[in-house]
Every structure is written in structure tokens, then in C-alpha cells.
PDB file of N, CA and C in Angstrom:
ATOM      1  N   MET A   1      25.444  36.203 138.607  1.00  0.00           N
ATOM      2  CA  MET A   1      26.734  36.855 138.481  1.00  0.00           C
ATOM      3  C   MET A   1      27.494  36.674 139.799  1.00  0.00           C
ATOM      4  N   ASN A   2      28.739  36.232 139.720  1.00  0.00           N
ATOM      5  CA  ASN A   2      29.506  36.018 140.945  1.00  0.00           C
ATOM      6  C   ASN A   2      30.013  37.348 141.508  1.00  0.00           C
ATOM      7  N   ALA A   3      30.562  37.282 142.706  1.00  0.00           N
ATOM      8  CA  ALA A   3      30.971  38.501 143.414  1.00  0.00           C
ATOM      9  C   ALA A   3      32.042  39.273 142.657  1.00  0.00           C
ATOM     10  N   ALA A   4      32.998  38.584 142.070  1.00  0.00           N
ATOM     11  CA  ALA A   4      34.071  39.253 141.330  1.00  0.00           C
ATOM     12  C   ALA A   4      33.513  39.964 140.099  1.00  0.00           C
ATOM     13  N   ALA A   5      32.590  39.317 139.414  1.00  0.00           N
ATOM     14  CA  ALA A   5      31.972  39.929 138.226  1.00  0.00           C
ATOM     15  C   ALA A   5      31.121  41.129 138.628  1.00  0.00           C
ATOM     16  N   GLN A   6      30.412  41.017 139.760  1.00  0.00           N
ATOM     17  CA  GLN A   6      29.607  42.139 140.240  1.00  0.00           C
ATOM     18  C   GLN A   6      30.498  43.325 140.593  1.00  0.00           C
ATOM     19  N   GLU A   7      31.623  43.046 141.242  1.00  0.00           N
ATOM     20  CA  GLU A   7      32.548  44.123 141.612  1.00  0.00           C
ATOM     21  C   GLU A   7      33.127  44.792 140.371  1.00  0.00           C
ATOM     22  N   GLU A   8      33.497  43.999 139.378  1.00  0.00           N
ATOM     23  CA  GLU A   8      34.045  44.565 138.140  1.00  0.00           C
ATOM     24  C   GLU A   8      32.992  45.408 137.426  1.00  0.00           C
ATOM     25  N   SER A   9      31.758  44.924 137.397  1.00  0.00           N
ATOM     26  CA  SER A   9      30.673  45.683 136.783  1.00  0.00           C
ATOM     27  C   SER A   9      30.471  47.017 137.498  1.00  0.00           C
ATOM     28  N   LEU A  10      30.505  46.973 138.820  1.00  0.00           N
ATOM     29  CA  LEU A  10      30.360  48.186 139.625  1.00  0.00           C
ATOM     30  C   LEU A  10      31.510  49.155 139.354  1.00  0.00           C
ATOM     31  N   ASN A  11      32.724  48.621 139.244  1.00  0.00           N
ATOM     32  CA  ASN A  11      33.888  49.454 138.928  1.00  0.00           C
ATOM     33  C   ASN A  11      33.714  50.157 137.585  1.00  0.00           C
ATOM     34  N   LEU A  12      33.215  49.436 136.605  1.00  0.00           N
ATOM     35  CA  LEU A  12      33.004  50.023 135.277  1.00  0.00           C
ATOM     36  C   LEU A  12      31.954  51.131 135.322  1.00  0.00           C
ATOM     37  N   VAL A  13      30.881  50.898 136.070  1.00  0.00           N
ATOM     38  CA  VAL A  13      29.815  51.909 136.174  1.00  0.00           C
ATOM     39  C   VAL A  13      30.357  53.177 136.839  1.00  0.00           C
ATOM     40  N   PHE A  14      31.047  53.010 137.986  1.00  0.00           N
ATOM     41  CA  PHE A  14      31.567  54.195 138.673  1.00  0.00           C
ATOM     42  C   PHE A  14      32.633  54.908 137.852  1.00  0.00           C
ATOM     43  N   ALA A  15      33.465  54.161 137.133  1.00  0.00           N
ATOM     44  CA  ALA A  15      34.477  54.788 136.271  1.00  0.00           C
ATOM     45  C   ALA A  15      33.800  55.588 135.157  1.00  0.00           C
ATOM     46  N   ALA A  16      32.742  55.023 134.596  1.00  0.00           N
ATOM     47  CA  ALA A  16      32.013  55.730 133.535  1.00  0.00           C
ATOM     48  C   ALA A  16      31.350  56.990 134.081  1.00  0.00           C
ATOM     49  N   LEU A  17      30.789  56.904 135.287  1.00  0.00           N
ATOM     50  CA  LEU A  17      30.098  58.054 135.886  1.00  0.00           C
ATOM     51  C   LEU A  17      31.060  59.120 136.403  1.00  0.00           C
ATOM     52  N   ALA A  18      32.322  58.786 136.504  1.00  0.00           N
ATOM     53  CA  ALA A  18      33.304  59.736 137.040  1.00  0.00           C
ATOM     54  C   ALA A  18      33.549  60.914 136.106  1.00  0.00           C
ATOM     55  N   ASP A  19      33.237  60.758 134.853  1.00  0.00           N
ATOM     56  CA  ASP A  19      33.513  61.806 133.869  1.00  0.00           C
ATOM     57  C   ASP A  19      32.285  62.688 133.653  1.00  0.00           C
ATOM     58  N   PRO A  20      32.425  64.020 133.782  1.00  0.00           N
ATOM     59  CA  PRO A  20      31.261  64.907 133.624  1.00  0.00           C
ATOM     60  C   PRO A  20      30.662  64.888 132.217  1.00  0.00           C
ATOM     61  N   THR A  21      31.487  64.659 131.211  1.00  0.00           N
ATOM     62  CA  THR A  21      30.964  64.583 129.842  1.00  0.00           C
ATOM     63  C   THR A  21      30.046  63.383 129.700  1.00  0.00           C
ATOM     64  N   ARG A  22      30.471  62.254 130.251  1.00  0.00           N
ATOM     65  CA  ARG A  22      29.629  61.052 130.154  1.00  0.00           C
ATOM     66  C   ARG A  22      28.348  61.211 130.969  1.00  0.00           C
ATOM     67  N   ARG A  23      28.447  61.870 132.130  1.00  0.00           N
ATOM     68  CA  ARG A  23      27.222  62.108 132.911  1.00  0.00           C
ATOM     69  C   ARG A  23      26.266  63.002 132.130  1.00  0.00           C
ATOM     70  N   ALA A  24      26.799  63.990 131.434  1.00  0.00           N
ATOM     71  CA  ALA A  24      25.956  64.873 130.615  1.00  0.00           C
ATOM     72  C   ALA A  24      25.310  64.086 129.471  1.00  0.00           C
ATOM     73  N   MET A  25      26.057  63.176 128.905  1.00  0.00           N
ATOM     74  CA  MET A  25      25.495  62.340 127.827  1.00  0.00           C
ATOM     75  C   MET A  25      24.375  61.454 128.368  1.00  0.00           C
ATOM     76  N   LEU A  26      24.578  60.897 129.554  1.00  0.00           N
ATOM     77  CA  LEU A  26      23.520  60.083 130.163  1.00  0.00           C
ATOM     78  C   LEU A  26      22.282  60.922 130.454  1.00  0.00           C
ATOM     79  N   ALA A  27      22.501  62.151 130.920  1.00  0.00           N
ATOM     80  CA  ALA A  27      21.368  63.048 131.183  1.00  0.00           C
ATOM     81  C   ALA A  27      20.603  63.301 129.891  1.00  0.00           C
ATOM     82  N   ARG A  28      21.323  63.501 128.802  1.00  0.00           N
ATOM     83  CA  ARG A  28      20.658  63.713 127.505  1.00  0.00           C
ATOM     84  C   ARG A  28      19.896  62.462 127.089  1.00  0.00           C
ATOM     85  N   LEU A  29      20.504  61.282 127.281  1.00  0.00           N
ATOM     86  CA  LEU A  29      19.858  60.037 126.890  1.00  0.00           C
ATOM     87  C   LEU A  29      18.663  59.709 127.774  1.00  0.00           C
ATOM     88  N   ALA A  30      18.606  60.292 128.960  1.00  0.00           N
ATOM     89  CA  ALA A  30      17.437  60.097 129.828  1.00  0.00           C
ATOM     90  C   ALA A  30      16.196  60.714 129.192  1.00  0.00           C
ATOM     91  N   GLU A  31      16.404  61.664 128.290  1.00  0.00           N
ATOM     92  CA  GLU A  31      15.286  62.305 127.573  1.00  0.00           C
ATOM     93  C   GLU A  31      14.828  61.486 126.378  1.00  0.00           C
ATOM     94  N   GLY A  32      15.664  60.551 125.927  1.00  0.00           N
ATOM     95  CA  GLY A  32      15.335  59.734 124.766  1.00  0.00           C
ATOM     96  C   GLY A  32      16.585  59.397 123.990  1.00  0.00           C
ATOM     97  N   GLU A  33      16.466  58.449 123.080  1.00  0.00           N
ATOM     98  CA  GLU A  33      17.647  58.015 122.338  1.00  0.00           C
ATOM     99  C   GLU A  33      18.205  59.140 121.472  1.00  0.00           C
ATOM    100  N   ALA A  34      19.491  59.017 121.137  1.00  0.00           N
ATOM    101  CA  ALA A  34      20.170  60.054 120.350  1.00  0.00           C
ATOM    102  C   ALA A  34      21.318  59.422 119.577  1.00  0.00           C
ATOM    103  N   THR A  35      21.671  60.066 118.493  1.00  0.00           N
ATOM    104  CA  THR A  35      22.808  59.616 117.681  1.00  0.00           C
ATOM    105  C   THR A  35      24.088  60.268 118.206  1.00  0.00           C
ATOM    106  N   VAL A  36      25.219  59.814 117.677  1.00  0.00           N
ATOM    107  CA  VAL A  36      26.511  60.382 118.060  1.00  0.00           C
ATOM    108  C   VAL A  36      26.523  61.879 117.754  1.00  0.00           C
ATOM    109  N   ASN A  37      26.017  62.264 116.593  1.00  0.00           N
ATOM    110  CA  ASN A  37      25.998  63.690 116.222  1.00  0.00           C
ATOM    111  C   ASN A  37      25.149  64.503 117.189  1.00  0.00           C
ATOM    112  N   GLU A  38      24.003  63.972 117.578  1.00  0.00           N
ATOM    113  CA  GLU A  38      23.133  64.681 118.517  1.00  0.00           C
ATOM    114  C   GLU A  38      23.796  64.800 119.891  1.00  0.00           C
ATOM    115  N   LEU A  39      24.480  63.754 120.308  1.00  0.00           N
ATOM    116  CA  LEU A  39      25.158  63.792 121.609  1.00  0.00           C
ATOM    117  C   LEU A  39      26.372  64.717 121.583  1.00  0.00           C
ATOM    118  N   ALA A  40      26.986  64.872 120.402  1.00  0.00           N
ATOM    119  CA  ALA A  40      28.186  65.709 120.278  1.00  0.00           C
ATOM    120  C   ALA A  40      27.868  67.202 120.272  1.00  0.00           C
ATOM    121  N   GLU A  41      26.636  67.575 119.922  1.00  0.00           N
ATOM    122  CA  GLU A  41      26.273  68.985 119.754  1.00  0.00           C
ATOM    123  C   GLU A  41      26.728  69.918 120.878  1.00  0.00           C
ATOM    124  N   PRO A  42      26.450  69.611 122.144  1.00  0.00           N
ATOM    125  CA  PRO A  42      26.806  70.576 123.186  1.00  0.00           C
ATOM    126  C   PRO A  42      28.293  70.597 123.561  1.00  0.00           C
ATOM    127  N   PHE A  43      29.088  69.706 122.986  1.00  0.00           N
ATOM    128  CA  PHE A  43      30.484  69.583 123.384  1.00  0.00           C
ATOM    129  C   PHE A  43      31.426  70.070 122.293  1.00  0.00           C
ATOM    130  N   ASP A  44      32.531  70.613 122.724  1.00  0.00           N
ATOM    131  CA  ASP A  44      33.571  71.046 121.795  1.00  0.00           C
ATOM    132  C   ASP A  44      34.595  69.918 121.687  1.00  0.00           C
ATOM    133  N   MET A  45      34.178  68.842 121.009  1.00  0.00           N
ATOM    134  CA  MET A  45      35.078  67.700 120.829  1.00  0.00           C
ATOM    135  C   MET A  45      34.740  67.006 119.517  1.00  0.00           C
ATOM    136  N   SER A  46      35.685  66.219 119.065  1.00  0.00           N
ATOM    137  CA  SER A  46      35.508  65.515 117.794  1.00  0.00           C
ATOM    138  C   SER A  46      34.511  64.364 117.952  1.00  0.00           C
ATOM    139  N   LEU A  47      33.983  63.912 116.821  1.00  0.00           N
ATOM    140  CA  LEU A  47      33.076  62.761 116.844  1.00  0.00           C
ATOM    141  C   LEU A  47      33.781  61.501 117.342  1.00  0.00           C
ATOM    142  N   PRO A  48      35.062  61.276 116.974  1.00  0.00           N
ATOM    143  CA  PRO A  48      35.744  60.113 117.538  1.00  0.00           C
ATOM    144  C   PRO A  48      35.865  60.181 119.074  1.00  0.00           C
ATOM    145  N   ALA A  49      36.052  61.376 119.629  1.00  0.00           N
ATOM    146  CA  ALA A  49      36.123  61.524 121.087  1.00  0.00           C
ATOM    147  C   ALA A  49      34.771  61.204 121.720  1.00  0.00           C
ATOM    148  N   VAL A  50      33.693  61.662 121.096  1.00  0.00           N
ATOM    149  CA  VAL A  50      32.349  61.349 121.590  1.00  0.00           C
ATOM    150  C   VAL A  50      32.120  59.846 121.515  1.00  0.00           C
ATOM    151  N   SER A  51      32.555  59.228 120.426  1.00  0.00           N
ATOM    152  CA  SER A  51      32.405  57.773 120.270  1.00  0.00           C
ATOM    153  C   SER A  51      33.160  57.016 121.361  1.00  0.00           C
ATOM    154  N   LYS A  52      34.331  57.522 121.750  1.00  0.00           N
ATOM    155  CA  LYS A  52      35.089  56.872 122.830  1.00  0.00           C
ATOM    156  C   LYS A  52      34.315  56.936 124.147  1.00  0.00           C
ATOM    157  N   HIS A  53      33.705  58.091 124.417  1.00  0.00           N
ATOM    158  CA  HIS A  53      32.890  58.215 125.621  1.00  0.00           C
ATOM    159  C   HIS A  53      31.719  57.236 125.577  1.00  0.00           C
ATOM    160  N   LEU A  54      31.104  57.113 124.416  1.00  0.00           N
ATOM    161  CA  LEU A  54      29.972  56.193 124.278  1.00  0.00           C
ATOM    162  C   LEU A  54      30.401  54.742 124.461  1.00  0.00           C
ATOM    163  N   LYS A  55      31.597  54.407 124.009  1.00  0.00           N
ATOM    164  CA  LYS A  55      32.105  53.041 124.199  1.00  0.00           C
ATOM    165  C   LYS A  55      32.306  52.738 125.682  1.00  0.00           C
ATOM    166  N   VAL A  56      32.773  53.729 126.437  1.00  0.00           N
ATOM    167  CA  VAL A  56      32.935  53.531 127.881  1.00  0.00           C
ATOM    168  C   VAL A  56      31.567  53.304 128.530  1.00  0.00           C
ATOM    169  N   LEU A  57      30.590  54.120 128.151  1.00  0.00           N
ATOM    170  CA  LEU A  57      29.235  53.979 128.695  1.00  0.00           C
ATOM    171  C   LEU A  57      28.631  52.627 128.305  1.00  0.00           C
ATOM    172  N   GLU A  58      28.878  52.219 127.072  1.00  0.00           N
ATOM    173  CA  GLU A  58      28.361  50.945 126.591  1.00  0.00           C
ATOM    174  C   GLU A  58      29.056  49.784 127.310  1.00  0.00           C
ATOM    175  N   GLY A  59      30.357  49.899 127.513  1.00  0.00           N
ATOM    176  CA  GLY A  59      31.109  48.861 128.219  1.00  0.00           C
ATOM    177  C   GLY A  59      30.655  48.691 129.662  1.00  0.00           C
ATOM    178  N   ALA A  60      30.189  49.782 130.254  1.00  0.00           N
ATOM    179  CA  ALA A  60      29.678  49.739 131.625  1.00  0.00           C
ATOM    180  C   ALA A  60      28.228  49.269 131.664  1.00  0.00           C
ATOM    181  N   GLY A  61      27.627  49.090 130.494  1.00  0.00           N
ATOM    182  CA  GLY A  61      26.238  48.635 130.434  1.00  0.00           C
ATOM    183  C   GLY A  61      25.227  49.741 130.676  1.00  0.00           C
ATOM    184  N   LEU A  62      25.684  50.995 130.660  1.00  0.00           N
ATOM    185  CA  LEU A  62      24.796  52.123 130.923  1.00  0.00           C
ATOM    186  C   LEU A  62      23.981  52.543 129.703  1.00  0.00           C
ATOM    187  N   ILE A  63      24.484  52.194 128.521  1.00  0.00           N
ATOM    188  CA  ILE A  63      23.745  52.478 127.291  1.00  0.00           C
ATOM    189  C   ILE A  63      23.817  51.264 126.372  1.00  0.00           C
ATOM    190  N   VAL A  64      22.903  51.214 125.442  1.00  0.00           N
ATOM    191  CA  VAL A  64      22.969  50.249 124.349  1.00  0.00           C
ATOM    192  C   VAL A  64      22.849  51.046 123.062  1.00  0.00           C
ATOM    193  N   ARG A  65      23.502  50.527 122.040  1.00  0.00           N
ATOM    194  CA  ARG A  65      23.444  51.199 120.741  1.00  0.00           C
ATOM    195  C   ARG A  65      22.776  50.272 119.752  1.00  0.00           C
ATOM    196  N   GLY A  66      21.788  50.822 119.072  1.00  0.00           N
ATOM    197  CA  GLY A  66      21.053  50.053 118.082  1.00  0.00           C
ATOM    198  C   GLY A  66      21.538  50.351 116.679  1.00  0.00           C
ATOM    199  N   ARG A  67      20.827  49.813 115.730  1.00  0.00           N
ATOM    200  CA  ARG A  67      21.142  50.098 114.333  1.00  0.00           C
ATOM    201  C   ARG A  67      19.835  50.227 113.580  1.00  0.00           C
ATOM    202  N   GLU A  68      19.650  51.399 113.006  1.00  0.00           N
ATOM    203  CA  GLU A  68      18.473  51.673 112.180  1.00  0.00           C
ATOM    204  C   GLU A  68      18.976  52.193 110.846  1.00  0.00           C
ATOM    205  N   GLY A  69      19.254  51.282 109.927  1.00  0.00           N
ATOM    206  CA  GLY A  69      19.851  51.687 108.659  1.00  0.00           C
ATOM    207  C   GLY A  69      21.259  52.198 108.920  1.00  0.00           C
ATOM    208  N   GLN A  70      21.510  53.445 108.530  1.00  0.00           N
ATOM    209  CA  GLN A  70      22.823  54.061 108.766  1.00  0.00           C
ATOM    210  C   GLN A  70      22.921  54.662 110.169  1.00  0.00           C
ATOM    211  N   ARG A  71      21.805  54.845 110.815  1.00  0.00           N
ATOM    212  CA  ARG A  71      21.792  55.440 112.167  1.00  0.00           C
ATOM    213  C   ARG A  71      22.160  54.406 113.208  1.00  0.00           C
ATOM    214  N   ARG A  72      22.898  54.855 114.225  1.00  0.00           N
ATOM    215  CA  ARG A  72      23.194  53.993 115.375  1.00  0.00           C
ATOM    216  C   ARG A  72      22.822  54.750 116.637  1.00  0.00           C
ATOM    217  N   PRO A  73      21.529  54.851 116.907  1.00  0.00           N
ATOM    218  CA  PRO A  73      21.117  55.601 118.095  1.00  0.00           C
ATOM    219  C   PRO A  73      21.514  54.885 119.384  1.00  0.00           C
ATOM    220  N   ALA A  74      21.830  55.689 120.368  1.00  0.00           N
ATOM    221  CA  ALA A  74      22.149  55.150 121.700  1.00  0.00           C
ATOM    222  C   ALA A  74      20.945  55.396 122.589  1.00  0.00           C
ATOM    223  N   ARG A  75      20.722  54.482 123.514  1.00  0.00           N
ATOM    224  CA  ARG A  75      19.660  54.709 124.490  1.00  0.00           C
ATOM    225  C   ARG A  75      20.140  54.258 125.860  1.00  0.00           C
ATOM    226  N   LEU A  76      19.563  54.864 126.852  1.00  0.00           N
ATOM    227  CA  LEU A  76      19.924  54.615 128.238  1.00  0.00           C
ATOM    228  C   LEU A  76      19.457  53.237 128.684  1.00  0.00           C
ATOM    229  N   GLU A  77      20.270  52.579 129.492  1.00  0.00           N
ATOM    230  CA  GLU A  77      19.916  51.309 130.130  1.00  0.00           C
ATOM    231  C   GLU A  77      19.871  51.571 131.625  1.00  0.00           C
ATOM    232  N   PRO A  78      18.761  52.095 132.141  1.00  0.00           N
ATOM    233  CA  PRO A  78      18.720  52.524 133.541  1.00  0.00           C
ATOM    234  C   PRO A  78      18.950  51.411 134.557  1.00  0.00           C
ATOM    235  N   GLN A  79      18.618  50.164 134.214  1.00  0.00           N
ATOM    236  CA  GLN A  79      18.808  49.098 135.188  1.00  0.00           C
ATOM    237  C   GLN A  79      20.285  48.853 135.481  1.00  0.00           C
ATOM    238  N   ALA A  80      21.183  49.329 134.616  1.00  0.00           N
ATOM    239  CA  ALA A  80      22.618  49.187 134.879  1.00  0.00           C
ATOM    240  C   ALA A  80      23.029  49.996 136.108  1.00  0.00           C
ATOM    241  N   LEU A  81      22.239  50.994 136.457  1.00  0.00           N
ATOM    242  CA  LEU A  81      22.542  51.802 137.634  1.00  0.00           C
ATOM    243  C   LEU A  81      22.055  51.148 138.928  1.00  0.00           C
ATOM    244  N   ASP A  82      21.278  50.079 138.820  1.00  0.00           N
ATOM    245  CA  ASP A  82      20.730  49.421 140.007  1.00  0.00           C
ATOM    246  C   ASP A  82      21.816  48.965 140.968  1.00  0.00           C
ATOM    247  N   ALA A  83      22.861  48.317 140.454  1.00  0.00           N
ATOM    248  CA  ALA A  83      23.932  47.829 141.332  1.00  0.00           C
ATOM    249  C   ALA A  83      24.624  48.985 142.032  1.00  0.00           C
ATOM    250  N   ALA A  84      24.861  50.071 141.305  1.00  0.00           N
ATOM    251  CA  ALA A  84      25.503  51.244 141.917  1.00  0.00           C
ATOM    252  C   ALA A  84      24.585  51.862 142.959  1.00  0.00           C
ATOM    253  N   ALA A  85      23.316  51.947 142.664  1.00  0.00           N
ATOM    254  CA  ALA A  85      22.357  52.515 143.615  1.00  0.00           C
ATOM    255  C   ALA A  85      22.269  51.658 144.868  1.00  0.00           C
ATOM    256  N   GLN A  86      22.284  50.345 144.710  1.00  0.00           N
ATOM    257  CA  GLN A  86      22.247  49.445 145.871  1.00  0.00           C
ATOM    258  C   GLN A  86      23.510  49.588 146.713  1.00  0.00           C
ATOM    259  N   TRP A  87      24.668  49.715 146.058  1.00  0.00           N
ATOM    260  CA  TRP A  87      25.927  49.881 146.772  1.00  0.00           C
ATOM    261  C   TRP A  87      25.909  51.182 147.569  1.00  0.00           C
ATOM    262  N   ILE A  88      25.476  52.255 146.932  1.00  0.00           N
ATOM    263  CA  ILE A  88      25.402  53.561 147.593  1.00  0.00           C
ATOM    264  C   ILE A  88      24.413  53.503 148.749  1.00  0.00           C
ATOM    265  N   GLU A  89      23.277  52.884 148.546  1.00  0.00           N
ATOM    266  CA  GLU A  89      22.254  52.785 149.594  1.00  0.00           C
ATOM    267  C   GLU A  89      22.777  52.005 150.792  1.00  0.00           C
ATOM    268  N   HIS A  90      23.511  50.937 150.547  1.00  0.00           N
ATOM    269  CA  HIS A  90      24.092  50.146 151.634  1.00  0.00           C
ATOM    270  C   HIS A  90      24.990  51.024 152.512  1.00  0.00           C
ATOM    271  N   TYR A  91      25.868  51.789 151.882  1.00  0.00           N
ATOM    272  CA  TYR A  91      26.785  52.625 152.650  1.00  0.00           C
ATOM    273  C   TYR A  91      26.102  53.851 153.245  1.00  0.00           C
ATOM    274  N   ARG A  92      25.063  54.335 152.597  1.00  0.00           N
ATOM    275  CA  ARG A  92      24.294  55.437 153.179  1.00  0.00           C
ATOM    276  C   ARG A  92      23.666  54.984 154.492  1.00  0.00           C
ATOM    277  N   ARG A  93      23.094  53.774 154.495  1.00  0.00           N
ATOM    278  CA  ARG A  93      22.496  53.237 155.719  1.00  0.00           C
ATOM    279  C   ARG A  93      23.536  53.051 156.817  1.00  0.00           C
ATOM    280  N   LEU A  94      24.714  52.536 156.440  1.00  0.00           N
ATOM    281  CA  LEU A  94      25.771  52.351 157.439  1.00  0.00           C
ATOM    282  C   LEU A  94      26.173  53.680 158.071  1.00  0.00           C
ATOM    283  N   TRP A  95      26.347  54.704 157.244  1.00  0.00           N
ATOM    284  CA  TRP A  95      26.727  56.022 157.765  1.00  0.00           C
ATOM    285  C   TRP A  95      25.609  56.609 158.614  1.00  0.00           C
ATOM    286  N   GLU A  96      24.391  56.443 158.175  1.00  0.00           N
ATOM    287  CA  GLU A  96      23.262  56.964 158.929  1.00  0.00           C
ATOM    288  C   GLU A  96      23.182  56.303 160.304  1.00  0.00           C
ATOM    289  N   GLU A  97      23.357  54.983 160.347  1.00  0.00           N
ATOM    290  CA  GLU A  97      23.345  54.272 161.622  1.00  0.00           C
ATOM    291  C   GLU A  97      24.503  54.727 162.506  1.00  0.00           C
ATOM    292  N   SER A  98      25.649  54.944 161.900  1.00  0.00           N
ATOM    293  CA  SER A  98      26.814  55.407 162.656  1.00  0.00           C
ATOM    294  C   SER A  98      26.559  56.797 163.241  1.00  0.00           C
ATOM    295  N   PHE A  99      25.985  57.673 162.459  1.00  0.00           N
ATOM    296  CA  PHE A  99      25.670  59.022 162.958  1.00  0.00           C
ATOM    297  C   PHE A  99      24.601  58.967 164.053  1.00  0.00           C
ATOM    298  N   ASP A 100      23.641  58.069 163.910  1.00  0.00           N
ATOM    299  CA  ASP A 100      22.612  57.918 164.950  1.00  0.00           C
ATOM    300  C   ASP A 100      23.247  57.467 166.264  1.00  0.00           C
ATOM    301  N   ARG A 101      24.171  56.496 166.184  1.00  0.00           N
ATOM    302  CA  ARG A 101      24.854  56.035 167.400  1.00  0.00           C
ATOM    303  C   ARG A 101      25.689  57.163 168.012  1.00  0.00           C
ATOM    304  N   LEU A 102      26.343  57.945 167.167  1.00  0.00           N
ATOM    305  CA  LEU A 102      27.132  59.075 167.657  1.00  0.00           C
ATOM    306  C   LEU A 102      26.234  60.094 168.346  1.00  0.00           C
ATOM    307  N   ASP A 103      25.079  60.345 167.780  1.00  0.00           N
ATOM    308  CA  ASP A 103      24.121  61.286 168.374  1.00  0.00           C
ATOM    309  C   ASP A 103      23.680  60.807 169.754  1.00  0.00           C
ATOM    310  N   VAL A 104      23.366  59.519 169.872  1.00  0.00           N
ATOM    311  CA  VAL A 104      22.959  58.954 171.163  1.00  0.00           C
ATOM    312  C   VAL A 104      24.096  59.105 172.176  1.00  0.00           C
ATOM    313  N   TYR A 105      25.301  58.808 171.755  1.00  0.00           N
ATOM    314  CA  TYR A 105      26.461  58.910 172.639  1.00  0.00           C
ATOM    315  C   TYR A 105      26.680  60.350 173.109  1.00  0.00           C
ATOM    316  N   LEU A 106      26.596  61.287 172.196  1.00  0.00           N
ATOM    317  CA  LEU A 106      26.788  62.699 172.561  1.00  0.00           C
ATOM    318  C   LEU A 106      25.713  63.183 173.526  1.00  0.00           C
ATOM    319  N   ARG A 107      24.490  62.754 173.308  1.00  0.00           N
ATOM    320  CA  ARG A 107      23.401  63.132 174.229  1.00  0.00           C
ATOM    321  C   ARG A 107      23.638  62.541 175.620  1.00  0.00           C
ATOM    322  N   LYS A 108      24.142  61.318 175.639  1.00  0.00           N
ATOM    323  CA  LYS A 108      24.435  60.668 176.921  1.00  0.00           C
ATOM    324  C   LYS A 108      25.530  61.437 177.664  1.00  0.00           C
ATOM    325  N   ILE A 109      26.576  61.796 176.966  1.00  0.00           N
ATOM    326  CA  ILE A 109      27.664  62.554 177.590  1.00  0.00           C
ATOM    327  C   ILE A 109      27.158  63.893 178.110  1.00  0.00           C
ATOM    328  N   GLN A 110      26.376  64.574 177.314  1.00  0.00           N
ATOM    329  CA  GLN A 110      25.830  65.869 177.739  1.00  0.00           C
ATOM    330  C   GLN A 110      24.941  65.719 178.966  1.00  0.00           C
ATOM    331  N   ALA A 111      24.181  64.653 179.029  1.00  0.00           N
ATOM    332  CA  ALA A 111      23.292  64.440 180.177  1.00  0.00           C
ATOM    333  C   ALA A 111      24.086  64.112 181.446  1.00  0.00           C
ATOM    334  N   GLU A 112      25.236  63.480 181.282  1.00  0.00           N
ATOM    335  CA  GLU A 112      26.051  63.106 182.429  1.00  0.00           C
ATOM    336  C   GLU A 112      26.881  64.260 182.982  1.00  0.00           C
ATOM    337  N   GLN A 113      27.113  65.258 182.170  1.00  0.00           N
ATOM    338  CA  GLN A 113      27.915  66.400 182.633  1.00  0.00           C
ATOM    339  C   GLN A 113      27.149  67.167 183.690  1.00  0.00           C
ATOM    340  N   PRO A 114      27.860  67.545 184.780  1.00  0.00           N
ATOM    341  CA  PRO A 114      27.162  68.339 185.801  1.00  0.00           C
ATOM    342  C   PRO A 114      26.757  69.685 185.223  1.00  0.00           C
ATOM    343  N   ARG A 115      25.600  70.086 185.641  1.00  0.00           N
ATOM    344  CA  ARG A 115      25.093  71.379 185.173  1.00  0.00           C
ATOM    345  C   ARG A 115      25.879  72.472 185.873  1.00  0.00           C
ATOM    346  N   LYS A 116      26.464  73.311 185.116  1.00  0.00           N
ATOM    347  CA  LYS A 116      27.197  74.441 185.675  1.00  0.00           C
ATOM    348  C   LYS A 116      26.297  75.660 185.602  1.00  0.00           C
ATOM    349  N   THR A 117      26.016  76.184 186.734  1.00  0.00           N
ATOM    350  CA  THR A 117      25.193  77.388 186.765  1.00  0.00           C
ATOM    351  C   THR A 117      26.062  78.523 187.259  1.00  0.00           C
ATOM    352  N   LYS A 118      25.898  79.596 186.640  1.00  0.00           N
ATOM    353  CA  LYS A 118      26.661  80.785 187.046  1.00  0.00           C
ATOM    354  C   LYS A 118      25.895  81.479 188.160  1.00  0.00           C
ATOM    355  N   LYS A 119      26.623  81.706 189.235  1.00  0.00           N
ATOM    356  CA  LYS A 119      26.032  82.463 190.325  1.00  0.00           C
ATOM    357  C   LYS A 119      26.331  83.917 190.113  1.00  0.00           C
ATOM    358  N   LYS A 120      25.347  84.689 190.347  1.00  0.00           N
ATOM    359  CA  LYS A 120      25.530  86.127 190.188  1.00  0.00           C
ATOM    360  C   LYS A 120      26.319  86.652 191.360  1.00  0.00           C
ATOM    361  N   ARG A 121      27.302  87.412 191.060  1.00  0.00           N
ATOM    362  CA  ARG A 121      28.102  88.032 192.102  1.00  0.00           C
ATOM    363  C   ARG A 121      27.389  89.267 192.623  1.00  0.00           C
ATOM    364  N   ASN A 122      27.570  89.460 193.847  1.00  0.00           N
ATOM    365  CA  ASN A 122      27.027  90.674 194.445  1.00  0.00           C
ATOM    366  C   ASN A 122      28.106  91.725 194.278  1.00  0.00           C
ATOM    367  N   THR A 123      27.899  92.600 193.368  1.00  0.00           N
ATOM    368  CA  THR A 123      28.912  93.616 193.062  1.00  0.00           C
ATOM    369  C   THR A 123      28.416  94.990 193.468  1.00  0.00           C
ATOM    370  N   ARG A 124      28.233  95.160 194.760  1.00  0.00           N
ATOM    371  CA  ARG A 124      27.823  96.479 195.238  1.00  0.00           C
ATOM    372  C   ARG A 124      29.028  97.359 195.369  1.00  0.00           C
ATOM    373  N   ARG A 125      28.843  98.550 195.070  1.00  0.00           N
ATOM    374  CA  ARG A 125      29.933  99.510 195.172  1.00  0.00           C
ATOM    375  C   ARG A 125      29.647 100.527 196.193  1.00  0.00           C
TER     376      ARG A 125
END
């Protein structure tokens, strides 16, 4: 997959994950495959609205939908999250390294500052 295709795939995954309803559906599918009706149960929305959410998830490659007679169960495709996880891990490492460098710098500055000691005043009355 070329860089442009990888970026577009990543965009689709993050766009799909941006919606809390779709994240809840993925959480449900992590337990096992489910039909549109089963996925719709916890939500106050129409079946066509649930189907639209599933199409977004399917377009992002996060789920696949099968066919078993009249049933069209959806199941999770966890490897679709690999690219997103790698992207997040890359930036997590960059931030961690940046914070480590900042920590070293702050310690250096603190060590270079002259120690200020308070002298006790002789306050006899």
C-alpha cells in the first residue's frame, strides 16, 4: 500500500473511531459477532441509522459483514486498528522523548541556579 493509500486508510479509521456510537458498536463486536438488530438494542435510533454506522465501520475496514442465510452478522477486524496503533505509538514515543529532554533541561537549570539560603536574623528585643 502506498503512502497516500495508507494515509487515507488511517483517516477513515480515525473518522470512524471519532463517533461514540461506533466505538460502542466496536466494543460490542469485540465480544463476538452480532446482527444489526443486536447492535441496535442499546441505542435509541432506527435500524437504517445503525446500518449507516456499520457502513462507516466497514468502509474503514474495522468490521466485515458476512451472510448466513437471511442474517448478515458483523464481526470485528482487529488488524484494521494496527495502522492507527502504530501511528499513535510513533507520536507517543516522540512526545515521551521530548518530555525526557525537557526534564533533563529543567534539572540542568535547577542545578546551575545558585543555592539561596535564608540566613536567620538575630531579632533580639
